[in-house]
């Protein structure tokens, strides 16, 4: 799965902008319309995390690999089980 994440300048959290299957995923931001803010294009597997106390589950991106970023500085992220906010 390939995902595009977006972060506005004033935000501290990343927002899911789009999800792509392998056959329709863009290879770079050159294939997408220009937008404001910082974007990450990442590949990874989708997994499920569960909170046992609340009995809630949610999807997470496992072992994300950054394909491209619009940020001009170094991008740090955790390779745990989800892309950090």
N, C-alpha and C. Protein backbone atom coordinates (compact mmCIF):
# COMPACT_ATOMS: atom_id res chain seq x y z
N UNK A 1 0.85 -1.16 0.00
CA UNK A 1 0.00 0.00 0.00
C UNK A 1 0.90 1.22 0.00
N UNK A 2 0.49 2.23 -0.73
CA UNK A 2 1.18 3.53 -0.73
C UNK A 2 0.22 4.57 -0.18
N UNK A 3 0.72 5.41 0.70
CA UNK A 3 -0.11 6.47 1.28
C UNK A 3 0.58 7.82 1.09
N UNK A 4 -0.24 8.86 0.99
CA UNK A 4 0.26 10.23 0.95
C UNK A 4 -0.21 10.91 2.22
N UNK A 5 0.73 11.42 2.99
CA UNK A 5 0.43 12.10 4.25
C UNK A 5 0.68 13.58 4.08
N UNK A 6 -0.10 14.40 4.79
CA UNK A 6 -0.03 15.85 4.67
C UNK A 6 0.11 16.48 6.05
N UNK A 7 0.92 17.53 6.13
CA UNK A 7 1.06 18.28 7.38
C UNK A 7 1.14 19.76 7.04
N UNK A 8 0.23 20.56 7.60
CA UNK A 8 0.29 22.00 7.44
C UNK A 8 1.41 22.57 8.30
N UNK A 9 1.84 23.75 8.00
CA UNK A 9 2.97 24.35 8.71
C UNK A 9 2.73 24.46 10.21
N UNK A 10 1.52 24.79 10.63
CA UNK A 10 1.22 24.97 12.05
C UNK A 10 0.85 23.67 12.76
N UNK A 11 0.66 22.59 12.02
CA UNK A 11 0.24 21.30 12.62
C UNK A 11 1.43 20.54 13.19
N UNK A 12 1.14 19.74 14.20
CA UNK A 12 2.13 18.79 14.71
C UNK A 12 1.75 17.36 14.32
N UNK A 13 0.56 17.18 13.79
CA UNK A 13 0.08 15.85 13.41
C UNK A 13 0.09 15.69 11.90
N UNK A 14 0.28 14.45 11.47
CA UNK A 14 0.18 14.11 10.05
C UNK A 14 -1.24 13.67 9.76
N UNK A 15 -1.75 14.02 8.58
CA UNK A 15 -3.10 13.67 8.17
C UNK A 15 -3.02 12.81 6.91
N UNK A 16 -3.86 11.81 6.85
CA UNK A 16 -3.92 10.93 5.68
C UNK A 16 -4.58 11.69 4.53
N UNK A 17 -3.85 11.89 3.45
CA UNK A 17 -4.38 12.61 2.30
C UNK A 17 -4.94 11.66 1.25
N UNK A 18 -4.29 10.49 1.07
CA UNK A 18 -4.75 9.53 0.06
C UNK A 18 -4.11 8.18 0.29
N UNK A 19 -4.82 7.13 -0.12
CA UNK A 19 -4.31 5.75 -0.11
C UNK A 19 -4.33 5.25 -1.54
N UNK A 20 -3.31 4.50 -1.92
CA UNK A 20 -3.21 3.98 -3.28
C UNK A 20 -2.89 2.49 -3.25
N UNK A 21 -3.46 1.75 -4.19
CA UNK A 21 -3.06 0.36 -4.37
C UNK A 21 -1.76 0.36 -5.17
N UNK A 22 -1.11 -0.77 -5.28
CA UNK A 22 0.18 -0.84 -5.97
C UNK A 22 0.08 -0.45 -7.44
N UNK A 23 -1.04 -0.74 -8.08
CA UNK A 23 -1.15 -0.46 -9.51
C UNK A 23 -1.45 1.01 -9.82
N UNK A 24 -1.97 1.78 -8.86
CA UNK A 24 -2.32 3.17 -9.15
C UNK A 24 -1.49 4.17 -8.35
N UNK A 25 -0.50 3.73 -7.63
CA UNK A 25 0.29 4.62 -6.78
C UNK A 25 1.21 5.51 -7.60
N UNK A 26 1.27 6.81 -7.27
CA UNK A 26 2.22 7.69 -7.95
C UNK A 26 3.64 7.35 -7.51
N UNK A 27 4.59 7.56 -8.37
CA UNK A 27 5.99 7.29 -8.04
C UNK A 27 6.70 8.52 -7.49
N UNK A 28 6.11 9.70 -7.72
CA UNK A 28 6.67 10.93 -7.19
C UNK A 28 5.58 11.99 -7.12
N UNK A 29 5.90 13.11 -6.49
CA UNK A 29 4.94 14.21 -6.40
C UNK A 29 4.79 14.94 -7.73
N UNK A 30 5.67 14.68 -8.68
CA UNK A 30 5.55 15.28 -10.01
C UNK A 30 4.27 14.84 -10.71
N UNK A 31 3.74 13.67 -10.31
CA UNK A 31 2.52 13.13 -10.91
C UNK A 31 1.26 13.67 -10.25
N UNK A 32 1.41 14.49 -9.19
CA UNK A 32 0.27 15.00 -8.43
C UNK A 32 0.19 16.51 -8.56
N UNK A 33 -1.02 17.09 -8.39
CA UNK A 33 -1.14 18.55 -8.44
C UNK A 33 -0.40 19.19 -7.26
N UNK A 34 0.17 20.39 -7.44
CA UNK A 34 0.89 21.04 -6.34
C UNK A 34 -0.06 21.46 -5.22
N UNK A 35 0.41 21.34 -3.99
CA UNK A 35 -0.37 21.72 -2.81
C UNK A 35 0.54 22.38 -1.80
N UNK A 36 -0.06 23.05 -0.81
CA UNK A 36 0.69 23.67 0.26
C UNK A 36 0.98 22.68 1.36
N UNK A 37 1.92 22.99 2.21
CA UNK A 37 2.25 22.13 3.34
C UNK A 37 3.30 21.10 2.96
N UNK A 38 3.57 20.22 3.89
CA UNK A 38 4.56 19.16 3.70
C UNK A 38 3.84 17.86 3.41
N UNK A 39 4.34 17.12 2.45
CA UNK A 39 3.75 15.83 2.09
C UNK A 39 4.80 14.73 2.17
N UNK A 40 4.36 13.55 2.54
CA UNK A 40 5.18 12.34 2.50
C UNK A 40 4.48 11.32 1.63
N UNK A 41 5.22 10.66 0.80
CA UNK A 41 4.72 9.53 0.03
C UNK A 41 5.43 8.31 0.60
N UNK A 42 4.66 7.38 1.19
CA UNK A 42 5.23 6.24 1.90
C UNK A 42 4.64 4.93 1.40
N UNK A 43 5.45 3.89 1.45
CA UNK A 43 4.98 2.53 1.19
C UNK A 43 5.04 1.74 2.48
N UNK A 44 4.15 0.80 2.62
CA UNK A 44 4.16 -0.06 3.80
C UNK A 44 3.04 -1.08 3.72
N UNK A 45 2.93 -1.86 4.77
CA UNK A 45 1.85 -2.83 4.88
C UNK A 45 0.83 -2.30 5.87
N UNK A 46 -0.42 -2.64 5.68
CA UNK A 46 -1.47 -2.24 6.61
C UNK A 46 -1.65 -3.33 7.65
N UNK A 47 -1.64 -2.93 8.89
CA UNK A 47 -1.87 -3.84 10.01
C UNK A 47 -2.99 -3.27 10.88
N UNK A 48 -3.35 -4.00 11.91
CA UNK A 48 -4.41 -3.58 12.83
C UNK A 48 -3.83 -3.52 14.24
N UNK A 49 -4.11 -2.42 14.91
CA UNK A 49 -3.73 -2.27 16.32
C UNK A 49 -5.01 -2.29 17.14
N UNK A 50 -4.94 -2.87 18.32
CA UNK A 50 -6.12 -2.96 19.17
C UNK A 50 -5.80 -2.46 20.56
N UNK A 51 -6.73 -1.71 21.14
CA UNK A 51 -6.66 -1.30 22.53
C UNK A 51 -7.57 -2.24 23.30
N UNK A 52 -6.99 -3.13 24.07
CA UNK A 52 -7.77 -4.14 24.78
C UNK A 52 -8.74 -3.56 25.79
N UNK A 53 -8.37 -2.46 26.43
CA UNK A 53 -9.24 -1.87 27.45
C UNK A 53 -10.50 -1.28 26.84
N UNK A 54 -10.37 -0.58 25.71
CA UNK A 54 -11.54 0.04 25.10
C UNK A 54 -12.17 -0.84 24.02
N UNK A 55 -11.49 -1.94 23.67
CA UNK A 55 -11.96 -2.86 22.63
C UNK A 55 -12.10 -2.15 21.29
N UNK A 56 -11.22 -1.20 21.01
CA UNK A 56 -11.22 -0.50 19.74
C UNK A 56 -10.02 -0.95 18.90
N UNK A 57 -10.21 -0.97 17.59
CA UNK A 57 -9.13 -1.30 16.66
C UNK A 57 -9.01 -0.20 15.62
N UNK A 58 -7.82 -0.07 15.04
CA UNK A 58 -7.61 0.90 13.97
C UNK A 58 -6.46 0.45 13.10
N UNK A 59 -6.49 0.84 11.83
CA UNK A 59 -5.41 0.44 10.92
C UNK A 59 -4.16 1.28 11.15
N UNK A 60 -3.00 0.66 10.95
CA UNK A 60 -1.71 1.36 11.05
C UNK A 60 -0.84 0.96 9.86
N UNK A 61 0.10 1.81 9.51
CA UNK A 61 1.05 1.52 8.45
C UNK A 61 2.27 0.89 9.10
N UNK A 62 2.55 -0.36 8.74
CA UNK A 62 3.66 -1.11 9.33
C UNK A 62 4.90 -0.98 8.46
N UNK A 63 6.04 -0.74 9.09
CA UNK A 63 7.33 -0.62 8.42
C UNK A 63 7.28 0.36 7.25
N UNK A 64 6.90 1.62 7.51
CA UNK A 64 6.81 2.58 6.40
C UNK A 64 8.18 2.89 5.80
N UNK A 65 8.19 3.05 4.50
CA UNK A 65 9.38 3.47 3.78
C UNK A 65 9.02 4.75 3.04
N UNK A 66 9.77 5.82 3.30
CA UNK A 66 9.49 7.07 2.63
C UNK A 66 10.02 7.02 1.20
N UNK A 67 9.13 7.25 0.24
CA UNK A 67 9.49 7.28 -1.17
C UNK A 67 9.96 8.67 -1.55
N UNK A 68 9.21 9.68 -1.09
CA UNK A 68 9.54 11.06 -1.42
C UNK A 68 8.90 11.98 -0.40
N UNK A 69 9.50 13.14 -0.18
CA UNK A 69 8.96 14.15 0.71
C UNK A 69 9.09 15.52 0.06
N UNK A 70 8.17 16.42 0.40
CA UNK A 70 8.27 17.78 -0.09
C UNK A 70 9.01 18.65 0.91
N UNK A 71 9.32 18.11 2.08
CA UNK A 71 10.05 18.86 3.10
C UNK A 71 11.50 18.98 2.67
N UNK A 72 12.07 20.15 2.85
CA UNK A 72 13.44 20.39 2.43
C UNK A 72 14.46 20.02 3.51
N UNK A 73 14.00 19.77 4.71
CA UNK A 73 14.91 19.39 5.79
C UNK A 73 14.81 17.90 6.04
N UNK A 74 15.63 17.41 6.93
CA UNK A 74 15.66 15.99 7.25
C UNK A 74 14.33 15.54 7.86
N UNK A 75 13.80 14.43 7.40
CA UNK A 75 12.55 13.88 7.91
C UNK A 75 12.88 12.73 8.84
N UNK A 76 12.35 12.78 10.06
CA UNK A 76 12.53 11.68 10.98
C UNK A 76 11.19 11.01 11.20
N UNK A 77 11.20 9.72 11.36
CA UNK A 77 9.97 8.98 11.61
C UNK A 77 10.33 7.70 12.32
N UNK A 78 9.35 7.12 12.94
CA UNK A 78 9.55 5.87 13.66
C UNK A 78 9.22 4.70 12.74
N UNK A 79 10.03 3.67 12.79
CA UNK A 79 9.75 2.50 11.96
C UNK A 79 9.03 1.43 12.77
N UNK A 80 8.37 1.85 13.81
CA UNK A 80 7.62 0.91 14.64
C UNK A 80 6.43 0.39 13.84
N UNK A 81 5.23 0.65 14.32
CA UNK A 81 4.07 0.12 13.62
C UNK A 81 3.19 1.18 13.04
N UNK A 82 3.57 2.43 13.13
CA UNK A 82 2.75 3.46 12.52
C UNK A 82 3.59 4.68 12.24
N UNK A 83 3.11 5.50 11.30
CA UNK A 83 3.77 6.76 10.99
C UNK A 83 3.43 7.72 12.12
N UNK A 84 4.43 8.43 12.70
CA UNK A 84 4.14 9.31 13.84
C UNK A 84 3.28 10.49 13.45
N UNK A 85 2.64 11.02 14.45
CA UNK A 85 1.79 12.21 14.23
C UNK A 85 2.59 13.44 14.55
